[in-house]
């Protein structure tokens, strides 16, 4: 799985935050605590990164991503009783809009920390095809 080590570290940081705070706070409290925990673990990140949204090449506004980790992984935080399909769909839409491969959806509002890895199959498939083509090109040049 792509960026598996990094997603494990982020989830570990989220578990540490949950261990200390439990559930019941607003999303922003968990966001601040997770930023501190990521810093304590030397994980480079941007909090509330504003990113442009486009439609057919036209700017249609911006969206703030809760965390953009090491310019590779988008992290969305919730503080609700239970994650629902709409939250997963939202995270997947953000991945597609920003052409990112991997994201995490974290929920601090449940009786235990909930987390889901979110994959943008469109980008993963494109990168895989590109990698396969590069590999085939390299094989052809070796002959």
Protein backbone atom coordinates (compact mmCIF):
# COMPACT_ATOMS: atom_id res chain seq x y z
CA UNK A 1 0.00 0.00 0.00
CA UNK A 2 1.37 3.38 -0.98
CA UNK A 3 2.67 5.55 1.89
CA UNK A 4 1.74 2.81 4.38
CA UNK A 5 4.49 3.75 6.87
CA UNK A 6 3.42 7.38 6.91
CA UNK A 7 -0.29 6.60 7.29
CA UNK A 8 0.57 4.27 10.20
CA UNK A 9 2.51 7.08 11.89
CA UNK A 10 -0.36 9.54 11.42
CA UNK A 11 -2.88 7.04 12.81
CA UNK A 12 -0.53 6.41 15.75
CA UNK A 13 -0.45 10.15 16.46
CA UNK A 14 -4.24 10.28 16.29
CA UNK A 15 -4.47 7.36 18.73
CA UNK A 16 -2.20 9.20 21.13
CA UNK A 17 -4.43 12.29 20.93
CA UNK A 18 -7.53 10.17 21.52
CA UNK A 19 -5.88 8.41 24.45
CA UNK A 20 -5.33 11.77 26.17
CA UNK A 21 -8.50 13.63 25.17
CA UNK A 22 -11.12 10.94 24.56
CA UNK A 23 -14.25 12.00 22.71
CA UNK A 24 -16.58 14.95 23.25
CA UNK A 25 -14.57 17.95 22.08
CA UNK A 26 -15.06 20.06 18.97
CA UNK A 27 -13.13 19.18 15.83
CA UNK A 28 -10.78 22.16 16.20
CA UNK A 29 -9.52 20.86 19.58
CA UNK A 30 -8.48 17.56 17.99
CA UNK A 31 -6.99 19.41 15.06
CA UNK A 32 -4.77 21.49 17.35
CA UNK A 33 -3.76 18.46 19.44
CA UNK A 34 -2.98 16.36 16.35
CA UNK A 35 -0.80 19.14 14.97
CA UNK A 36 1.18 19.14 18.22
CA UNK A 37 1.50 15.35 18.14
CA UNK A 38 2.64 15.37 14.51
CA UNK A 39 5.28 17.98 15.43
CA UNK A 40 6.43 15.89 18.41
CA UNK A 41 6.91 13.00 15.98
CA UNK A 42 8.74 15.15 13.40
CA UNK A 43 6.04 14.66 10.77
CA UNK A 44 6.01 17.63 8.43
CA UNK A 45 2.50 18.94 7.81
CA UNK A 46 0.39 21.96 6.98
CA UNK A 47 -2.79 22.59 8.95
CA UNK A 48 -5.88 24.05 7.29
CA UNK A 49 -4.12 24.34 3.96
CA UNK A 50 -6.25 26.30 1.55
CA UNK A 51 -6.31 24.61 -1.83
CA UNK A 52 -7.94 25.81 -5.07
CA UNK A 53 -10.81 23.90 -6.66
CA UNK A 54 -11.27 23.83 -10.40
CA UNK A 55 -13.99 22.78 -12.77
CA UNK A 56 -12.92 22.14 -16.38
CA UNK A 57 -9.90 24.38 -15.87
CA UNK A 58 -11.85 27.22 -14.24
CA UNK A 59 -11.33 28.29 -10.64
CA UNK A 60 -14.51 27.75 -8.64
CA UNK A 61 -13.26 28.50 -5.16
CA UNK A 62 -11.08 27.02 -2.48
CA UNK A 63 -11.33 24.35 0.20
CA UNK A 64 -9.36 24.04 3.40
CA UNK A 65 -7.89 20.62 3.97
CA UNK A 66 -7.54 19.84 7.71
CA UNK A 67 -4.01 18.50 7.20
CA UNK A 68 -1.72 18.11 4.24
CA UNK A 69 1.03 15.76 5.44
CA UNK A 70 4.46 15.71 3.77
CA UNK A 71 2.81 16.88 0.55
CA UNK A 72 1.55 13.29 0.10
CA UNK A 73 -1.45 12.62 2.30
CA UNK A 74 -4.61 14.56 2.94
CA UNK A 75 -6.12 14.13 6.42
CA UNK A 76 -9.72 15.06 7.20
CA UNK A 77 -10.86 15.17 10.83
CA UNK A 78 -14.35 14.67 12.19
CA UNK A 79 -15.71 14.79 15.75
CA UNK A 80 -19.05 13.06 15.28
CA UNK A 81 -20.79 10.06 16.84
CA UNK A 82 -20.20 7.83 13.82
CA UNK A 83 -18.68 8.13 10.35
CA UNK A 84 -21.18 7.75 7.55
CA UNK A 85 -20.87 7.13 3.82
CA UNK A 86 -21.29 10.86 3.12
CA UNK A 87 -18.06 11.61 5.06
CA UNK A 88 -16.17 8.97 3.11
CA UNK A 89 -17.55 10.34 -0.16
CA UNK A 90 -16.46 13.85 0.86
CA UNK A 91 -12.91 12.66 1.55
CA UNK A 92 -12.81 10.79 -1.76
CA UNK A 93 -14.04 13.88 -3.61
CA UNK A 94 -11.26 15.96 -2.06
CA UNK A 95 -8.66 13.42 -3.17
CA UNK A 96 -9.99 13.55 -6.71
CA UNK A 97 -10.25 17.34 -6.74
CA UNK A 98 -6.63 17.70 -5.58
CA UNK A 99 -5.33 14.75 -7.65
CA UNK A 100 -3.93 13.08 -4.54
CA UNK A 101 -3.55 9.34 -4.14
CA UNK A 102 -4.05 8.70 -0.42
CA UNK A 103 -6.03 10.29 2.36
CA UNK A 104 -7.08 9.54 5.91
CA UNK A 105 -10.44 10.18 7.48
CA UNK A 106 -10.17 10.36 11.29
CA UNK A 107 -13.11 10.55 13.67
CA UNK A 108 -12.49 11.52 17.30
CA UNK A 109 -16.19 11.72 18.24
CA UNK A 110 -16.93 8.00 18.61
CA UNK A 111 -16.39 5.74 21.64
CA UNK A 112 -13.04 4.82 20.11
CA UNK A 113 -10.97 6.48 17.39
CA UNK A 114 -12.31 5.68 13.93
CA UNK A 115 -10.04 5.89 10.91
CA UNK A 116 -10.32 5.04 7.25
CA UNK A 117 -7.70 5.07 4.54
CA UNK A 118 -9.11 6.63 1.41
CA UNK A 119 -7.68 5.87 -2.02
CA UNK A 120 -8.12 7.82 -5.23
CA UNK A 121 -8.20 4.96 -7.71
CA UNK A 122 -8.12 7.34 -10.68
CA UNK A 123 -4.70 8.70 -9.68
CA UNK A 124 -3.42 5.30 -8.51
CA UNK A 125 -4.37 3.73 -11.85
CA UNK A 126 -2.80 6.57 -13.83
CA UNK A 127 0.44 6.33 -11.86
CA UNK A 128 0.46 2.55 -12.19
CA UNK A 129 -0.04 2.76 -15.98
CA UNK A 130 2.72 5.39 -16.21
CA UNK A 131 5.05 3.23 -14.11
CA UNK A 132 4.31 0.16 -16.25
CA UNK A 133 4.95 2.14 -19.44
CA UNK A 134 8.25 3.44 -18.03
CA UNK A 135 9.21 -0.10 -17.04
CA UNK A 136 8.34 -1.43 -20.53
CA UNK A 137 10.29 1.43 -22.16
CA UNK A 138 13.31 0.66 -19.98
CA UNK A 139 13.06 -3.05 -20.83
CA UNK A 140 12.90 -2.26 -24.52
CA UNK A 141 16.01 -0.06 -24.39
CA UNK A 142 18.02 -2.79 -22.64
CA UNK A 143 17.61 -5.27 -25.52
